[in-house]
């Protein structure tokens, strides 16, 4: 493999590193959202009278998890070269 082919292969991989990084970074918020709504469903089944409070806490937790995902999608653009 010549130096030019190696450089072309490296440049091709370099262009998608940010998207691969975001894909890996999106795993955490995805797991977090699943845990939030799974436990919220269990809590609603156990105490239906507390539905308003449980739902409010679910929405707040969901917003925090999604904020992490949005930060993850913005960071490659901020720190990219």
N, C-alpha and C. Protein backbone atom coordinates (compact mmCIF):
# COMPACT_ATOMS: atom_id res chain seq x y z
N UNK A 1 0.85 -1.18 0.00
CA UNK A 1 0.00 0.00 0.00
C UNK A 1 0.90 1.24 0.00
N UNK A 2 0.64 2.13 -0.92
CA UNK A 2 1.47 3.33 -1.01
C UNK A 2 1.07 4.35 0.05
N UNK A 3 1.89 5.35 0.17
CA UNK A 3 1.63 6.39 1.16
C UNK A 3 0.35 7.16 0.83
N UNK A 4 0.10 7.36 -0.47
CA UNK A 4 -1.11 8.07 -0.89
C UNK A 4 -2.37 7.27 -0.55
N UNK A 5 -2.32 5.97 -0.76
CA UNK A 5 -3.48 5.13 -0.42
C UNK A 5 -3.71 5.10 1.08
N UNK A 6 -2.63 5.06 1.85
CA UNK A 6 -2.75 5.08 3.31
C UNK A 6 -3.35 6.39 3.79
N UNK A 7 -2.89 7.49 3.19
CA UNK A 7 -3.43 8.80 3.54
C UNK A 7 -4.90 8.91 3.18
N UNK A 8 -5.29 8.39 2.03
CA UNK A 8 -6.70 8.42 1.61
C UNK A 8 -7.56 7.58 2.54
N UNK A 9 -7.04 6.41 2.95
CA UNK A 9 -7.80 5.56 3.87
C UNK A 9 -7.95 6.22 5.22
N UNK A 10 -6.89 6.88 5.69
CA UNK A 10 -6.96 7.58 6.98
C UNK A 10 -7.93 8.74 6.91
N UNK A 11 -7.91 9.50 5.82
CA UNK A 11 -8.81 10.63 5.68
C UNK A 11 -10.26 10.16 5.62
N UNK A 12 -10.52 9.02 5.00
CA UNK A 12 -11.88 8.49 4.94
C UNK A 12 -12.40 8.10 6.31
N UNK A 13 -11.52 7.55 7.14
CA UNK A 13 -11.94 7.16 8.49
C UNK A 13 -12.07 8.39 9.38
N UNK A 14 -11.19 9.37 9.18
CA UNK A 14 -11.20 10.56 10.02
C UNK A 14 -12.50 11.34 9.90
N UNK A 15 -13.14 11.33 8.74
CA UNK A 15 -14.36 12.09 8.55
C UNK A 15 -15.54 11.55 9.34
N UNK A 16 -15.52 10.27 9.71
CA UNK A 16 -16.66 9.70 10.41
C UNK A 16 -16.38 9.41 11.88
N UNK A 17 -15.24 9.84 12.40
CA UNK A 17 -14.91 9.56 13.79
C UNK A 17 -15.88 10.28 14.73
N UNK A 18 -16.29 11.50 14.37
CA UNK A 18 -17.24 12.23 15.20
C UNK A 18 -18.58 11.53 15.29
N UNK A 19 -19.03 10.97 14.17
CA UNK A 19 -20.32 10.28 14.19
C UNK A 19 -20.22 8.96 14.94
N UNK A 20 -19.09 8.29 14.86
CA UNK A 20 -18.91 7.06 15.64
C UNK A 20 -18.88 7.40 17.12
N UNK A 21 -18.19 8.47 17.46
CA UNK A 21 -18.15 8.91 18.86
C UNK A 21 -19.52 9.27 19.39
N UNK A 22 -20.32 9.95 18.57
CA UNK A 22 -21.67 10.29 19.02
C UNK A 22 -22.52 9.04 19.17
N UNK A 23 -22.36 8.11 18.27
CA UNK A 23 -23.11 6.85 18.39
C UNK A 23 -22.79 6.14 19.69
N UNK A 24 -21.53 6.13 20.06
CA UNK A 24 -21.15 5.52 21.34
C UNK A 24 -21.64 6.36 22.52
N UNK A 25 -21.63 7.68 22.36
CA UNK A 25 -22.08 8.54 23.45
C UNK A 25 -23.59 8.47 23.64
N UNK A 26 -24.34 8.09 22.62
CA UNK A 26 -25.79 8.01 22.72
C UNK A 26 -26.25 6.76 23.46
N UNK A 27 -25.34 5.82 23.67
CA UNK A 27 -25.72 4.60 24.39
C UNK A 27 -26.09 4.91 25.84
N UNK A 28 -25.33 5.78 26.48
CA UNK A 28 -25.58 6.12 27.88
C UNK A 28 -26.95 6.74 28.12
N UNK A 29 -27.30 7.82 27.40
CA UNK A 29 -28.64 8.38 27.58
C UNK A 29 -29.75 7.41 27.20
N UNK A 30 -29.50 6.55 26.21
CA UNK A 30 -30.51 5.55 25.84
C UNK A 30 -30.78 4.59 26.97
N UNK A 31 -29.72 4.14 27.62
CA UNK A 31 -29.89 3.25 28.77
C UNK A 31 -30.57 3.99 29.91
N UNK A 32 -30.18 5.25 30.12
CA UNK A 32 -30.79 6.04 31.18
C UNK A 32 -32.28 6.25 30.99
N UNK A 33 -32.69 6.54 29.77
CA UNK A 33 -34.12 6.73 29.49
C UNK A 33 -34.88 5.43 29.72
N UNK A 34 -34.29 4.31 29.31
CA UNK A 34 -34.93 3.01 29.54
C UNK A 34 -35.11 2.72 31.02
N UNK A 35 -34.10 3.02 31.81
CA UNK A 35 -34.19 2.80 33.25
C UNK A 35 -35.24 3.71 33.88
N UNK A 36 -35.26 4.97 33.45
CA UNK A 36 -36.21 5.93 34.00
C UNK A 36 -37.64 5.48 33.77
N UNK A 37 -37.97 5.14 32.52
CA UNK A 37 -39.35 4.79 32.22
C UNK A 37 -39.72 3.39 32.72
N UNK A 38 -38.74 2.50 32.77
CA UNK A 38 -39.01 1.17 33.34
C UNK A 38 -39.33 1.24 34.82
N UNK A 39 -38.52 1.99 35.55
CA UNK A 39 -38.78 2.13 36.98
C UNK A 39 -40.02 2.99 37.25
N UNK A 40 -40.27 3.95 36.38
CA UNK A 40 -41.48 4.76 36.53
C UNK A 40 -42.74 3.94 36.34
N UNK A 41 -42.71 3.02 35.39
CA UNK A 41 -43.85 2.13 35.16
C UNK A 41 -44.09 1.23 36.36
N UNK A 42 -43.01 0.72 36.94
CA UNK A 42 -43.14 -0.11 38.14
C UNK A 42 -43.69 0.70 39.30
N UNK A 43 -43.22 1.94 39.44
CA UNK A 43 -43.71 2.79 40.53
C UNK A 43 -45.19 3.12 40.35
N UNK A 44 -45.62 3.36 39.11
CA UNK A 44 -47.03 3.64 38.86
C UNK A 44 -47.89 2.42 39.15
N UNK A 45 -47.36 1.23 38.87
CA UNK A 45 -48.12 0.02 39.15
C UNK A 45 -48.24 -0.22 40.65
N UNK A 46 -47.23 0.17 41.41
CA UNK A 46 -47.26 -0.04 42.86
C UNK A 46 -48.07 1.01 43.59
N UNK A 47 -47.98 2.26 43.13
CA UNK A 47 -48.70 3.35 43.80
C UNK A 47 -49.38 4.24 42.77
N UNK A 48 -50.54 3.84 42.28
CA UNK A 48 -51.21 4.65 41.26
C UNK A 48 -51.67 6.02 41.78
N UNK A 49 -51.82 6.15 43.09
CA UNK A 49 -52.27 7.45 43.63
C UNK A 49 -51.17 8.51 43.53
N UNK A 50 -49.93 8.12 43.34
CA UNK A 50 -48.82 9.07 43.22
C UNK A 50 -48.44 9.31 41.77
N UNK A 51 -49.37 9.12 40.86
CA UNK A 51 -49.08 9.20 39.42
C UNK A 51 -48.54 10.57 39.01
N UNK A 52 -49.08 11.64 39.56
CA UNK A 52 -48.65 12.99 39.18
C UNK A 52 -47.19 13.25 39.55
N UNK A 53 -46.82 12.89 40.76
CA UNK A 53 -45.45 13.09 41.21
C UNK A 53 -44.47 12.20 40.46
N UNK A 54 -44.85 10.94 40.24
CA UNK A 54 -43.97 10.01 39.52
C UNK A 54 -43.77 10.47 38.09
N UNK A 55 -44.84 10.90 37.45
CA UNK A 55 -44.74 11.34 36.06
C UNK A 55 -43.89 12.61 35.95
N UNK A 56 -44.02 13.52 36.90
CA UNK A 56 -43.21 14.74 36.88
C UNK A 56 -41.73 14.40 37.02
N UNK A 57 -41.42 13.46 37.91
CA UNK A 57 -40.02 13.06 38.08
C UNK A 57 -39.50 12.32 36.85
N UNK A 58 -40.36 11.56 36.19
CA UNK A 58 -39.95 10.88 34.96
C UNK A 58 -39.59 11.90 33.88
N UNK A 59 -40.41 12.90 33.72
CA UNK A 59 -40.17 13.91 32.69
C UNK A 59 -38.90 14.68 32.99
N UNK A 60 -38.65 14.99 34.25
CA UNK A 60 -37.43 15.70 34.62
C UNK A 60 -36.19 14.85 34.34
N UNK A 61 -36.24 13.58 34.72
CA UNK A 61 -35.12 12.68 34.44
C UNK A 61 -34.89 12.49 32.95
N UNK A 62 -35.98 12.38 32.20
CA UNK A 62 -35.88 12.24 30.75
C UNK A 62 -35.21 13.47 30.14
N UNK A 63 -35.57 14.65 30.62
CA UNK A 63 -34.98 15.88 30.09
C UNK A 63 -33.48 15.93 30.37
N UNK A 64 -33.06 15.51 31.55
CA UNK A 64 -31.63 15.50 31.86
C UNK A 64 -30.88 14.50 30.99
N UNK A 65 -31.45 13.33 30.77
CA UNK A 65 -30.80 12.33 29.91
C UNK A 65 -30.70 12.82 28.47
N UNK A 66 -31.74 13.43 27.97
CA UNK A 66 -31.70 13.93 26.60
C UNK A 66 -30.76 15.11 26.47
N UNK A 67 -30.59 15.90 27.54
CA UNK A 67 -29.61 16.99 27.49
C UNK A 67 -28.21 16.42 27.29
N UNK A 68 -27.92 15.28 27.92
CA UNK A 68 -26.62 14.64 27.72
C UNK A 68 -26.44 14.22 26.26
N UNK A 69 -27.50 13.70 25.66
CA UNK A 69 -27.42 13.29 24.26
C UNK A 69 -27.20 14.51 23.36
N UNK A 70 -27.86 15.62 23.64
CA UNK A 70 -27.68 16.82 22.82
C UNK A 70 -26.28 17.39 22.98
N UNK A 71 -25.75 17.33 24.19
CA UNK A 71 -24.37 17.78 24.39
C UNK A 71 -23.43 16.89 23.59
N UNK A 72 -23.71 15.60 23.57
CA UNK A 72 -22.87 14.67 22.82
C UNK A 72 -22.90 14.93 21.32
N UNK A 73 -24.02 15.38 20.79
CA UNK A 73 -24.09 15.64 19.35
C UNK A 73 -23.44 16.97 18.99
N UNK A 74 -23.36 17.90 19.92
CA UNK A 74 -22.77 19.21 19.65
C UNK A 74 -21.25 19.19 19.80
N UNK A 75 -20.73 18.41 20.72
CA UNK A 75 -19.30 18.43 21.01
C UNK A 75 -18.40 18.12 19.81
N UNK A 76 -18.72 17.17 18.92
CA UNK A 76 -17.84 16.98 17.75
C UNK A 76 -17.74 18.22 16.88
N UNK A 77 -18.81 19.02 16.83
CA UNK A 77 -18.76 20.24 16.03
C UNK A 77 -17.95 21.34 16.73
N UNK A 78 -18.03 21.36 18.06
CA UNK A 78 -17.31 22.39 18.82
C UNK A 78 -15.81 22.12 18.82
N UNK A 79 -15.43 20.87 19.09
CA UNK A 79 -14.02 20.54 19.23
C UNK A 79 -13.43 19.89 17.98
N UNK A 80 -14.22 19.75 16.93
CA UNK A 80 -13.71 19.16 15.68
C UNK A 80 -12.73 20.08 14.98
N UNK A 81 -11.89 19.49 14.17
CA UNK A 81 -10.89 20.31 13.47
C UNK A 81 -11.20 20.42 12.02
